[in-house]
């Protein structure tokens, strides 16, 4: 065998390495310290109206009526 021959990465090896890389990326983002979690919802925030039917929304509804 020649010394300058490079080893080709097989399809299965590529898929295995891609899967390991994705798992490592997920583990790295999950382990980030100092990331604030969402505040728990209390009674006041549950009552708060989140959806507002603005002029923009009304125009969208009118343009998409059948």
C-alpha atoms as a PDB file:
ATOM      1  CA  UNK A   1       0.000   0.000   0.000  1.00  0.00           C
ATOM      2  CA  UNK A   2       1.243   3.482  -0.760  1.00  0.00           C
ATOM      3  CA  UNK A   3       1.878   5.960   2.063  1.00  0.00           C
ATOM      4  CA  UNK A   4       0.091   8.875   0.322  1.00  0.00           C
ATOM      5  CA  UNK A   5      -3.191   7.018  -0.105  1.00  0.00           C
ATOM      6  CA  UNK A   6      -5.941   8.729   1.889  1.00  0.00           C
ATOM      7  CA  UNK A   7      -8.617   6.716   3.565  1.00  0.00           C
ATOM      8  CA  UNK A   8     -12.092   7.430   2.228  1.00  0.00           C
ATOM      9  CA  UNK A   9     -14.902   7.966   4.654  1.00  0.00           C
ATOM     10  CA  UNK A  10     -17.606   5.389   4.010  1.00  0.00           C
ATOM     11  CA  UNK A  11     -21.296   6.146   3.923  1.00  0.00           C
ATOM     12  CA  UNK A  12     -21.969   4.408   7.226  1.00  0.00           C
ATOM     13  CA  UNK A  13     -19.043   6.110   8.904  1.00  0.00           C
ATOM     14  CA  UNK A  14     -20.243   9.462   7.610  1.00  0.00           C
ATOM     15  CA  UNK A  15     -23.768   8.917   8.941  1.00  0.00           C
ATOM     16  CA  UNK A  16     -22.437   7.707  12.289  1.00  0.00           C
ATOM     17  CA  UNK A  17     -20.182  10.752  12.627  1.00  0.00           C
ATOM     18  CA  UNK A  18     -23.000  13.103  11.590  1.00  0.00           C
ATOM     19  CA  UNK A  19     -25.258  11.594  14.251  1.00  0.00           C
ATOM     20  CA  UNK A  20     -22.585  11.907  16.912  1.00  0.00           C
ATOM     21  CA  UNK A  21     -21.946  15.499  15.886  1.00  0.00           C
ATOM     22  CA  UNK A  22     -25.638  16.355  16.176  1.00  0.00           C
ATOM     23  CA  UNK A  23     -25.857  14.698  19.595  1.00  0.00           C
ATOM     24  CA  UNK A  24     -22.803  16.629  20.760  1.00  0.00           C
ATOM     25  CA  UNK A  25     -24.309  19.908  19.561  1.00  0.00           C
ATOM     26  CA  UNK A  26     -27.534  19.241  21.474  1.00  0.00           C
ATOM     27  CA  UNK A  27     -25.584  18.339  24.597  1.00  0.00           C
ATOM     28  CA  UNK A  28     -23.483  21.485  24.305  1.00  0.00           C
ATOM     29  CA  UNK A  29     -26.499  23.782  24.014  1.00  0.00           C
ATOM     30  CA  UNK A  30     -28.313  22.053  26.871  1.00  0.00           C
ATOM     31  CA  UNK A  31     -25.329  22.503  29.176  1.00  0.00           C
ATOM     32  CA  UNK A  32     -25.014  26.280  28.731  1.00  0.00           C
ATOM     33  CA  UNK A  33     -25.047  27.804  32.235  1.00  0.00           C
ATOM     34  CA  UNK A  34     -26.788  31.064  32.992  1.00  0.00           C
ATOM     35  CA  UNK A  35     -29.518  30.664  30.431  1.00  0.00           C
ATOM     36  CA  UNK A  36     -32.739  31.962  31.981  1.00  0.00           C
ATOM     37  CA  UNK A  37     -35.807  29.802  31.787  1.00  0.00           C
ATOM     38  CA  UNK A  38     -39.245  31.228  31.072  1.00  0.00           C
ATOM     39  CA  UNK A  39     -41.011  32.685  34.082  1.00  0.00           C
ATOM     40  CA  UNK A  40     -43.848  30.553  35.394  1.00  0.00           C
ATOM     41  CA  UNK A  41     -47.292  31.676  34.396  1.00  0.00           C
ATOM     42  CA  UNK A  42     -49.407  33.159  37.158  1.00  0.00           C
ATOM     43  CA  UNK A  43     -53.114  34.020  37.295  1.00  0.00           C
ATOM     44  CA  UNK A  44     -52.569  37.584  36.086  1.00  0.00           C
ATOM     45  CA  UNK A  45     -50.624  36.576  32.991  1.00  0.00           C
ATOM     46  CA  UNK A  46     -53.213  33.911  32.148  1.00  0.00           C
ATOM     47  CA  UNK A  47     -55.972  36.530  32.132  1.00  0.00           C
ATOM     48  CA  UNK A  48     -53.940  38.929  30.020  1.00  0.00           C
ATOM     49  CA  UNK A  49     -55.169  39.124  26.446  1.00  0.00           C
ATOM     50  CA  UNK A  50     -52.380  38.069  24.111  1.00  0.00           C
ATOM     51  CA  UNK A  51     -54.181  38.174  20.798  1.00  0.00           C
ATOM     52  CA  UNK A  52     -55.058  41.564  19.371  1.00  0.00           C
ATOM     53  CA  UNK A  53     -57.115  41.956  16.246  1.00  0.00           C
ATOM     54  CA  UNK A  54     -55.397  44.967  14.718  1.00  0.00           C
ATOM     55  CA  UNK A  55     -56.086  46.601  11.354  1.00  0.00           C
ATOM     56  CA  UNK A  56     -53.285  44.532   9.890  1.00  0.00           C
ATOM     57  CA  UNK A  57     -54.903  41.294  11.068  1.00  0.00           C
ATOM     58  CA  UNK A  58     -58.329  42.379   9.845  1.00  0.00           C
ATOM     59  CA  UNK A  59     -56.935  43.128   6.364  1.00  0.00           C
ATOM     60  CA  UNK A  60     -55.306  39.695   6.300  1.00  0.00           C
ATOM     61  CA  UNK A  61     -58.599  38.006   7.210  1.00  0.00           C
ATOM     62  CA  UNK A  62     -60.481  39.977   4.559  1.00  0.00           C
ATOM     63  CA  UNK A  63     -57.967  39.145   1.840  1.00  0.00           C
ATOM     64  CA  UNK A  64     -58.126  35.405   2.595  1.00  0.00           C
ATOM     65  CA  UNK A  65     -61.875  34.901   2.737  1.00  0.00           C
ATOM     66  CA  UNK A  66     -63.253  32.468   0.232  1.00  0.00           C
END
